[in-house]
């Protein structure tokens, strides 16, 4: 009986249940697949944020200094002592040095004077500090001889701290009729230098490339109480403010500066800058380009230097910094700015287009650039057909669109679509341009532009 009951069992089909979770998951999956495929196949525009910046480009050189110098020789034999410190300006008939048969002792004028001589003023301390910083910052192992030049410079500063006391003592000795002590006066106006190196009187046409090497350079320092003979160098007098620095230029730099008349120079010694006139000459013996930079200022600051480390500041511009890859060229119709007017219910710029012989219509026209020198404005080439006739407002004069001009610019994408914006390039390096900021049709700080301008078109939507 139990077996019969089992044979009558019927199997019923299961009822289908709607699962909202599976549906939502499927929709999300389809959306993700479509999004990934759209992203993979879409054009990708990389944005670049415009920021203020600068480009600085300079070349370093070691230059030979030329001045209007005269070496003044001692007139008699004896021990020389100086009235004025190095770098001082003196007038004609000013006492410069004295010669005595014996060494003079300036420490015997009293304890108070001796203590005064040993004291170093704050100004002299600052001069020593500047010289030390300059020497430390520019020292090179292969130019160890500069150590001695630095030593002599510091000694001259320290020696000059007692120059006023010494001058008064020398004057007292001479006025008192001290035996054999004779004072000698400057033969001309100028600046005093107490060193000689054999380059005095060197002119521009005598300079050779070998002279710019410091390898065999020697300078003789002239010090107090040194024994001199008649005819020995007593001091050097620089008589004019004009001076020059001679540098060697390679062929590429000589060509780059061929049409340059003035250059800006930064001096490594104190980081001061000056602008000088530039002349380039080619030496016949070794076919070397020599650049002569002539200054009419700052001669006294470097009067004791025969060689100077300098930088030619070739570019130093500030503005908006943009990558070169973003800049493109685009053609525009050029028309006289007198044809630009305002019409309709807005204050937007536009032009009057001649539709037939007696009828004109106002059409909006965006001005991309206004050239104040030529009086021409640049209108979008795609906004008008070639041969379109424009009518000058309040006149019967007409202009046919045919003349074109080219502007360099970038695609501004601030509004979500590409908009050409003209740029005025000030300077450049290998990767970036510095462009003018603040003009009516240019970029502003923090604008967003397309990094690659060649892969985008006007009014293209940016995702």
Protein backbone atom coordinates (compact mmCIF):
# COMPACT_ATOMS: atom_id res chain seq x y z
CA UNK A 1 0.00 0.00 0.00
CA UNK A 2 2.83 2.31 0.78
CA UNK A 3 4.29 1.64 -2.65
CA UNK A 4 1.10 2.66 -4.39
CA UNK A 5 1.03 5.96 -2.55
CA UNK A 6 4.55 6.66 -3.66
CA UNK A 7 3.64 6.15 -7.31
CA UNK A 8 1.01 8.90 -7.17
CA UNK A 9 3.51 11.68 -6.14
CA UNK A 10 3.48 14.65 -8.58
CA UNK A 11 6.38 17.16 -9.01
CA UNK A 12 5.34 20.82 -9.38
CA UNK A 13 7.41 23.47 -11.26
CA UNK A 14 9.06 25.97 -8.94
CA UNK A 15 7.69 29.49 -9.03
CA UNK A 16 10.14 32.10 -10.55
CA UNK A 17 11.07 34.91 -8.14
CA UNK A 18 12.13 38.39 -9.42
CA UNK A 19 15.56 39.37 -7.88
CA UNK A 20 16.04 43.17 -7.93
CA UNK A 21 19.64 42.83 -6.75
CA UNK A 22 20.67 40.92 -9.86
CA UNK A 23 19.02 43.53 -12.08
CA UNK A 24 20.81 46.41 -10.35
CA UNK A 25 24.13 44.56 -10.54
CA UNK A 26 23.59 43.98 -14.28
CA UNK A 27 22.79 47.61 -14.93
CA UNK A 28 25.91 48.70 -13.03
CA UNK A 29 28.02 46.16 -14.91
CA UNK A 30 26.77 47.39 -18.28
CA UNK A 31 27.39 51.01 -17.21
CA UNK A 32 30.94 50.21 -16.14
CA UNK A 33 31.66 48.39 -19.39
CA UNK A 34 30.32 51.27 -21.47
CA UNK A 35 32.24 53.82 -19.38
CA UNK A 36 35.51 51.92 -19.73
CA UNK A 37 35.04 51.50 -23.47
CA UNK A 38 34.14 55.18 -23.87
CA UNK A 39 37.18 56.28 -21.87
CA UNK A 40 39.47 53.92 -23.78
CA UNK A 41 38.30 55.13 -27.18
CA UNK A 42 37.83 58.85 -26.36
CA UNK A 43 40.40 61.57 -27.02
CA UNK A 44 42.25 62.49 -23.83
CA UNK A 45 43.10 66.15 -23.33
CA UNK A 46 45.64 66.87 -20.60
CA UNK A 47 45.17 70.22 -18.91
CA UNK A 48 47.98 72.50 -17.81
CA UNK A 49 47.46 75.21 -15.20
CA UNK A 50 49.09 78.50 -16.19
CA UNK A 51 51.26 79.98 -13.47
CA UNK A 52 53.55 82.96 -13.18
CA UNK A 53 57.20 82.14 -13.67
CA UNK A 54 60.48 83.30 -15.15
CA UNK A 55 63.26 82.12 -17.42
CA UNK A 56 66.84 82.96 -16.52
CA UNK A 57 69.70 81.97 -18.80
CA UNK A 58 73.31 82.96 -18.33
CA UNK A 59 76.82 81.87 -19.34
CA UNK A 60 79.83 82.06 -17.01
CA UNK A 61 83.18 83.47 -18.10
CA UNK A 62 86.49 84.63 -16.68
CA UNK A 63 87.38 87.97 -18.20
CA UNK A 64 90.51 90.10 -18.50
CA UNK A 65 90.05 93.67 -17.28
CA UNK A 66 91.40 96.61 -19.31
CA UNK A 67 91.57 100.13 -17.90
CA UNK A 68 93.24 103.46 -18.62
CA UNK A 69 96.19 102.85 -16.27
CA UNK A 70 99.50 104.56 -15.74
CA UNK A 71 102.35 103.20 -13.64
CA UNK A 72 104.11 105.95 -11.68
CA UNK A 73 107.73 105.17 -10.81
CA UNK A 74 109.65 106.14 -7.71
CA UNK A 75 111.88 109.15 -8.27
CA UNK A 76 114.58 108.24 -5.74
CA UNK A 77 115.84 105.28 -3.77
CA UNK A 78 114.60 104.62 -0.26
CA UNK A 79 111.72 103.24 1.81
CA UNK A 80 108.28 104.05 0.46
CA UNK A 81 105.18 104.84 2.52
CA UNK A 82 101.72 105.75 1.27
CA UNK A 83 99.40 108.55 2.33
CA UNK A 84 96.12 107.15 0.96
CA UNK A 85 94.59 103.65 0.85
CA UNK A 86 94.08 101.69 -2.36
CA UNK A 87 90.95 102.58 -4.28
CA UNK A 88 90.99 106.21 -3.15
CA UNK A 89 90.30 108.99 -5.61
CA UNK A 90 93.01 111.61 -5.60
CA UNK A 91 93.37 114.95 -7.27
CA UNK A 92 96.36 116.38 -9.02
CA UNK A 93 99.12 117.47 -6.59
CA UNK A 94 97.69 115.32 -3.78
CA UNK A 95 100.38 113.70 -1.63
CA UNK A 96 100.44 110.00 -2.56
CA UNK A 97 103.67 108.59 -1.15
CA UNK A 98 106.85 109.52 0.63
CA UNK A 99 110.38 108.16 0.45
CA UNK A 100 112.77 108.13 3.38
CA UNK A 101 116.35 106.87 3.74
CA UNK A 102 115.30 104.59 6.63
CA UNK A 103 112.18 102.70 7.56
CA UNK A 104 109.64 104.79 9.43
CA UNK A 105 108.15 103.59 12.71
CA UNK A 106 104.55 104.72 13.12
CA UNK A 107 103.95 102.90 16.40
CA UNK A 108 105.96 105.32 18.56
CA UNK A 109 103.49 108.18 18.60
CA UNK A 110 101.86 107.22 21.85
CA UNK A 111 99.88 104.40 23.38
CA UNK A 112 96.52 105.99 22.52
CA UNK A 113 97.44 106.25 18.84
CA UNK A 114 98.71 102.66 18.84
CA UNK A 115 95.42 101.41 20.25
CA UNK A 116 93.53 103.50 17.71
CA UNK A 117 95.56 101.96 14.87
CA UNK A 118 94.74 98.45 16.06
CA UNK A 119 90.98 99.10 16.16
CA UNK A 120 89.04 98.00 13.07
CA UNK A 121 85.91 99.94 12.20
CA UNK A 122 82.58 98.28 11.46
CA UNK A 123 82.87 99.39 7.84
CA UNK A 124 86.24 97.68 7.49
CA UNK A 125 84.88 94.56 9.16
CA UNK A 126 82.08 94.49 6.60
CA UNK A 127 84.57 94.88 3.74
CA UNK A 128 86.64 91.95 5.08
CA UNK A 129 83.49 89.85 5.42
CA UNK A 130 82.46 90.58 1.83
CA UNK A 131 85.91 89.71 0.53
CA UNK A 132 85.93 86.47 2.52
CA UNK A 133 82.48 85.42 1.29
CA UNK A 134 83.40 86.21 -2.31
CA UNK A 135 86.68 84.28 -2.07
CA UNK A 136 85.02 81.29 -0.40
CA UNK A 137 82.18 81.15 -2.92
CA UNK A 138 84.40 81.36 -6.02
CA UNK A 139 87.53 79.47 -4.95
CA UNK A 140 88.75 76.65 -7.17
CA UNK A 141 91.60 74.25 -6.43
CA UNK A 142 93.28 74.88 -9.78
CA UNK A 143 93.53 78.60 -8.99
CA UNK A 144 95.30 78.43 -5.64
CA UNK A 145 97.22 81.61 -6.42
CA UNK A 146 94.04 83.53 -5.58
CA UNK A 147 94.73 82.78 -1.92
CA UNK A 148 97.64 85.22 -2.00
CA UNK A 149 95.55 87.84 -3.78
CA UNK A 150 92.90 87.45 -1.07
CA UNK A 151 95.56 87.73 1.63
CA UNK A 152 96.95 90.94 0.13
CA UNK A 153 93.46 92.40 -0.17
CA UNK A 154 92.69 91.80 3.51
CA UNK A 155 96.07 93.21 4.50
CA UNK A 156 95.38 96.35 2.47
CA UNK A 157 92.03 96.80 4.25
CA UNK A 158 93.66 96.36 7.65
CA UNK A 159 96.51 98.65 6.72
CA UNK A 160 94.10 101.33 5.55
CA UNK A 161 92.52 101.40 9.03
CA UNK A 162 95.51 103.38 10.22
CA UNK A 163 95.92 105.49 7.06
CA UNK A 164 94.55 108.69 8.58
CA UNK A 165 96.88 108.42 11.55
CA UNK A 166 99.76 107.58 9.25
CA UNK A 167 98.94 110.47 6.94
CA UNK A 168 98.99 112.91 9.82
CA UNK A 169 102.28 111.48 11.07
CA UNK A 170 103.84 111.67 7.61
CA UNK A 171 102.64 115.25 7.24
CA UNK A 172 104.09 116.07 10.66
CA UNK A 173 107.44 114.56 9.72
CA UNK A 174 107.61 116.51 6.47
CA UNK A 175 106.50 119.78 8.03
CA UNK A 176 108.95 119.23 10.85
CA UNK A 177 111.75 118.93 8.36
CA UNK A 178 112.58 115.30 9.10
CA UNK A 179 115.84 114.49 7.44
CA UNK A 180 115.49 112.77 4.08
CA UNK A 181 111.68 112.34 4.18
CA UNK A 182 110.20 113.62 0.90
CA UNK A 183 106.56 113.61 -0.22
CA UNK A 184 105.57 113.03 -3.85
CA UNK A 185 102.32 114.22 -5.39
CA UNK A 186 99.95 112.72 -7.95
CA UNK A 187 100.66 113.85 -11.48
CA UNK A 188 96.99 113.65 -12.47
CA UNK A 189 93.49 112.96 -11.16
CA UNK A 190 92.59 109.30 -10.76
CA UNK A 191 92.16 106.26 -8.56
CA UNK A 192 95.13 104.79 -6.69
CA UNK A 193 96.10 101.10 -7.02
CA UNK A 194 99.04 99.53 -5.20
CA UNK A 195 99.85 96.62 -7.50
CA UNK A 196 101.42 96.14 -10.94
CA UNK A 197 101.28 93.17 -13.31
CA UNK A 198 102.69 94.30 -16.65
CA UNK A 199 99.26 94.61 -18.30
CA UNK A 200 99.09 98.34 -17.73
CA UNK A 201 98.68 100.22 -20.99
CA UNK A 202 97.34 97.12 -22.77
CA UNK A 203 94.93 98.11 -25.57
CA UNK A 204 92.11 96.14 -27.16
CA UNK A 205 94.01 95.41 -30.37
CA UNK A 206 96.89 93.91 -28.37
CA UNK A 207 94.82 91.34 -26.47
CA UNK A 208 95.37 87.68 -27.34
CA UNK A 209 93.60 84.53 -26.18
CA UNK A 210 96.66 83.46 -24.17
CA UNK A 211 96.40 86.57 -22.00
CA UNK A 212 93.04 85.40 -20.64
CA UNK A 213 94.69 82.40 -18.98
CA UNK A 214 95.71 82.82 -15.37
CA UNK A 215 98.33 80.08 -15.59
CA UNK A 216 101.34 82.40 -15.86
CA UNK A 217 99.80 85.54 -14.38
CA UNK A 218 101.82 87.34 -11.72
CA UNK A 219 101.00 90.49 -9.81
CA UNK A 220 103.34 92.46 -7.55
CA UNK A 221 101.83 94.12 -4.48
CA UNK A 222 103.30 97.45 -3.39
CA UNK A 223 103.45 97.80 0.40
CA UNK A 224 104.51 100.34 3.02
CA UNK A 225 108.12 100.52 4.20
CA UNK A 226 109.30 98.49 1.19
CA UNK A 227 112.72 99.27 -0.24
CA UNK A 228 112.52 100.77 -3.74
CA UNK A 229 115.03 102.04 -6.25
CA UNK A 230 114.64 105.00 -8.55
CA UNK A 231 112.51 103.85 -11.48
CA UNK A 232 110.73 101.09 -9.59
CA UNK A 233 106.95 101.12 -9.62
CA UNK A 234 105.60 103.31 -6.83
CA UNK A 235 101.86 103.06 -7.56
CA UNK A 236 99.35 102.80 -10.38
CA UNK A 237 96.89 105.53 -11.35
CA UNK A 238 93.59 104.77 -13.15
CA UNK A 239 92.62 107.98 -14.91
CA UNK A 240 89.25 107.24 -16.59
CA UNK A 241 85.93 105.72 -15.53
CA UNK A 242 85.56 103.68 -18.73
CA UNK A 243 86.82 100.10 -18.50
CA UNK A 244 86.36 96.79 -20.31
CA UNK A 245 86.19 93.07 -19.66
CA UNK A 246 87.49 90.75 -22.40
CA UNK A 247 86.08 87.20 -22.67
CA UNK A 248 86.46 84.30 -25.10
CA UNK A 249 83.25 83.34 -26.93
CA UNK A 250 82.72 80.03 -28.67
CA UNK A 251 81.42 80.06 -32.22
CA UNK A 252 77.78 79.41 -31.28
CA UNK A 253 77.70 82.17 -28.69
CA UNK A 254 79.48 84.60 -31.02
CA UNK A 255 76.79 84.01 -33.65
CA UNK A 256 74.00 84.38 -31.09
CA UNK A 257 75.41 87.72 -29.91
CA UNK A 258 76.43 88.97 -33.35
CA UNK A 259 73.58 91.50 -33.52
CA UNK A 260 73.66 92.38 -29.82
CA UNK A 261 75.00 95.81 -28.88
CA UNK A 262 74.51 95.74 -25.09
CA UNK A 263 74.53 92.93 -22.53
CA UNK A 264 73.73 92.60 -18.86
CA UNK A 265 76.56 91.26 -16.70
CA UNK A 266 76.52 89.86 -13.17
CA UNK A 267 79.84 89.96 -11.28
CA UNK A 268 80.49 86.85 -9.17
CA UNK A 269 82.61 88.78 -6.70
CA UNK A 270 79.68 90.67 -5.17
CA UNK A 271 76.63 89.64 -7.29
CA UNK A 272 76.26 93.19 -8.57
CA UNK A 273 74.95 93.70 -12.10
CA UNK A 274 75.77 96.28 -14.77
CA UNK A 275 74.95 96.80 -18.43
CA UNK A 276 77.76 97.27 -20.91
CA UNK A 277 78.25 97.66 -24.66
CA UNK A 278 79.44 94.55 -26.52
CA UNK A 279 81.86 94.27 -29.43
CA UNK A 280 83.10 90.97 -30.91
CA UNK A 281 86.43 90.58 -32.71
CA UNK A 282 88.00 87.54 -34.33
CA UNK A 283 91.72 87.07 -33.75
CA UNK A 284 93.64 86.05 -36.84
CA UNK A 285 96.36 84.03 -35.11
CA UNK A 286 94.17 81.35 -33.49
CA UNK A 287 90.77 82.19 -34.95
CA UNK A 288 89.30 82.97 -31.52
CA UNK A 289 86.28 85.19 -30.90
CA UNK A 290 86.97 87.82 -28.25
CA UNK A 291 84.08 89.71 -26.69
CA UNK A 292 84.81 93.20 -25.34
CA UNK A 293 82.25 94.43 -22.79
CA UNK A 294 82.74 98.12 -22.03
CA UNK A 295 81.31 99.83 -18.93
CA UNK A 296 81.06 103.46 -17.88
CA UNK A 297 80.40 102.73 -14.21
CA UNK A 298 81.58 100.58 -11.28
CA UNK A 299 85.27 100.91 -12.21
CA UNK A 300 86.28 101.75 -8.61
CA UNK A 301 84.51 98.65 -7.23
CA UNK A 302 86.86 96.32 -9.14
CA UNK A 303 89.86 98.59 -9.54
CA UNK A 304 92.25 96.10 -7.90
CA UNK A 305 91.16 93.12 -10.04
CA UNK A 306 92.82 92.07 -13.28
CA UNK A 307 90.58 89.05 -13.80
CA UNK A 308 86.86 88.91 -13.02
CA UNK A 309 84.43 86.01 -12.99
CA UNK A 310 81.23 87.16 -14.67
CA UNK A 311 77.94 85.80 -16.01
CA UNK A 312 76.37 87.09 -19.19
CA UNK A 313 72.66 87.36 -18.45
CA UNK A 314 71.24 86.35 -21.82
CA UNK A 315 67.61 86.09 -20.71
CA UNK A 316 65.86 87.24 -17.57
CA UNK A 317 62.13 87.54 -18.20
CA UNK A 318 59.12 87.11 -15.94
CA UNK A 319 55.52 86.49 -16.96
CA UNK A 320 53.23 83.50 -17.48
CA UNK A 321 55.07 80.23 -18.00
CA UNK A 322 53.53 77.78 -20.49
CA UNK A 323 54.89 74.61 -22.17
CA UNK A 324 55.97 74.86 -25.79
CA UNK A 325 53.75 71.89 -26.69
CA UNK A 326 50.63 73.96 -25.95
CA UNK A 327 51.39 76.70 -28.50
CA UNK A 328 49.86 76.48 -31.97
CA UNK A 329 49.47 78.79 -34.94
CA UNK A 330 46.10 79.70 -36.42
CA UNK A 331 45.02 81.85 -39.36
CA UNK A 332 42.51 84.68 -39.00
CA UNK A 333 40.87 87.22 -41.25
CA UNK A 334 42.37 90.67 -40.71
CA UNK A 335 40.17 93.76 -41.12
CA UNK A 336 40.56 97.41 -40.06
CA UNK A 337 39.31 97.91 -36.52
CA UNK A 338 36.96 100.69 -37.79
CA UNK A 339 34.69 97.91 -39.10
CA UNK A 340 34.04 96.56 -35.60
CA UNK A 341 30.80 97.80 -34.07
CA UNK A 342 28.15 96.81 -31.56
CA UNK A 343 24.59 95.91 -32.47
CA UNK A 344 21.48 94.08 -31.46
CA UNK A 345 20.39 93.99 -27.85
CA UNK A 346 23.88 93.30 -26.49
CA UNK A 347 27.19 95.10 -26.24
CA UNK A 348 29.05 92.32 -28.01
CA UNK A 349 31.44 93.13 -30.84
CA UNK A 350 30.40 92.37 -34.37
CA UNK A 351 30.44 93.50 -38.00
CA UNK A 352 27.90 94.66 -40.58
CA UNK A 353 27.66 92.05 -43.36
CA UNK A 354 26.32 93.12 -46.75
CA UNK A 355 23.56 90.72 -47.80
CA UNK A 356 22.62 92.56 -50.98
CA UNK A 357 23.30 95.93 -52.55
CA UNK A 358 21.30 97.94 -50.04
CA UNK A 359 20.92 95.64 -47.03
CA UNK A 360 23.25 94.81 -44.15
CA UNK A 361 22.88 92.54 -41.14
CA UNK A 362 24.73 92.58 -37.87
CA UNK A 363 26.71 89.44 -37.11
CA UNK A 364 28.55 88.82 -33.89
CA UNK A 365 32.30 88.52 -34.41
CA UNK A 366 34.76 87.74 -31.64
CA UNK A 367 37.98 89.76 -31.80
CA UNK A 368 40.94 87.49 -31.05
CA UNK A 369 43.60 90.18 -31.18
CA UNK A 370 43.80 93.90 -31.80
CA UNK A 371 47.06 95.19 -33.31
CA UNK A 372 47.34 98.82 -32.26
CA UNK A 373 50.36 99.44 -34.48
CA UNK A 374 48.67 98.44 -37.74
CA UNK A 375 45.08 99.17 -36.68
CA UNK A 376 43.96 95.68 -37.71
CA UNK A 377 41.82 93.19 -35.78
CA UNK A 378 41.83 89.41 -36.13
CA UNK A 379 38.49 87.61 -36.71
CA UNK A 380 37.81 83.88 -36.69
CA UNK A 381 38.38 82.37 -40.13
CA UNK A 382 35.63 79.76 -39.61
CA UNK A 383 32.96 82.35 -38.72
CA UNK A 384 32.79 83.88 -42.24
CA UNK A 385 33.00 82.70 -45.80
CA UNK A 386 35.79 83.95 -48.00
CA UNK A 387 34.65 86.94 -50.02
CA UNK A 388 32.18 88.17 -47.43
CA UNK A 389 31.69 91.92 -47.79
CA UNK A 390 31.74 94.02 -44.63
CA UNK A 391 30.35 97.54 -44.43
CA UNK A 392 32.01 100.20 -42.32
CA UNK A 393 29.54 101.67 -39.77
CA UNK A 394 28.15 105.09 -40.68
CA UNK A 395 29.89 104.91 -44.03
CA UNK A 396 29.55 103.46 -47.48
CA UNK A 397 33.04 101.97 -47.42
CA UNK A 398 33.31 98.21 -47.71
CA UNK A 399 35.91 95.55 -47.06
CA UNK A 400 36.04 92.07 -48.60
CA UNK A 401 37.33 89.31 -46.35
CA UNK A 402 40.43 87.94 -48.03
CA UNK A 403 43.51 89.15 -46.16
CA UNK A 404 44.73 86.76 -43.47
CA UNK A 405 47.20 86.86 -40.62
CA UNK A 406 48.65 84.24 -38.32
CA UNK A 407 48.58 84.33 -34.53
CA UNK A 408 50.35 82.11 -32.05
CA UNK A 409 48.24 81.01 -29.14
CA UNK A 410 46.93 78.22 -26.93
CA UNK A 411 43.56 76.56 -26.39
CA UNK A 412 41.96 77.78 -23.16
CA UNK A 413 39.69 75.09 -21.67
CA UNK A 414 38.34 76.94 -18.62
CA UNK A 415 34.75 76.79 -19.94
CA UNK A 416 34.74 73.10 -20.83
CA UNK A 417 35.45 73.66 -24.50
CA UNK A 418 38.53 74.73 -26.46
CA UNK A 419 38.84 78.46 -27.01
CA UNK A 420 41.84 79.88 -28.90
CA UNK A 421 43.72 82.53 -26.91
CA UNK A 422 46.50 84.61 -28.41
CA UNK A 423 49.86 84.77 -26.59
CA UNK A 424 52.76 87.20 -26.89
CA UNK A 425 56.03 85.32 -26.34
CA UNK A 426 58.73 87.20 -24.43
CA UNK A 427 61.46 84.54 -24.21
CA UNK A 428 61.95 80.79 -24.23
CA UNK A 429 64.10 77.86 -23.21
CA UNK A 430 64.08 74.25 -24.37
CA UNK A 431 60.71 73.39 -22.79
CA UNK A 432 58.83 76.57 -21.88
CA UNK A 433 57.77 80.00 -23.11
CA UNK A 434 57.36 83.10 -20.97
CA UNK A 435 54.36 85.01 -22.35
CA UNK A 436 52.98 88.48 -21.64
CA UNK A 437 50.39 88.68 -18.88
CA UNK A 438 47.72 91.29 -18.36
CA UNK A 439 46.75 92.06 -21.98
CA UNK A 440 43.10 92.09 -23.05
CA UNK A 441 43.22 89.00 -25.28
CA UNK A 442 45.84 86.92 -23.50
CA UNK A 443 46.07 84.47 -20.63
CA UNK A 444 45.80 85.14 -16.92
CA UNK A 445 47.28 83.38 -13.93
CA UNK A 446 45.63 80.02 -13.08
CA UNK A 447 43.99 79.62 -16.50
CA UNK A 448 43.78 76.03 -17.75
CA UNK A 449 45.04 75.27 -21.24
CA UNK A 450 45.49 72.14 -23.35
CA UNK A 451 48.95 70.71 -22.80
CA UNK A 452 49.13 69.50 -26.41
CA UNK A 453 47.63 72.17 -28.64
CA UNK A 454 48.13 70.19 -31.85
CA UNK A 455 45.56 67.56 -30.84
CA UNK A 456 42.59 69.85 -30.26
CA UNK A 457 40.35 72.15 -32.30
CA UNK A 458 38.41 75.35 -31.72
CA UNK A 459 35.14 74.84 -29.75
CA UNK A 460 35.88 71.16 -29.13
CA UNK A 461 34.13 69.87 -26.00
CA UNK A 462 36.55 68.85 -23.27
CA UNK A 463 35.59 65.96 -20.98
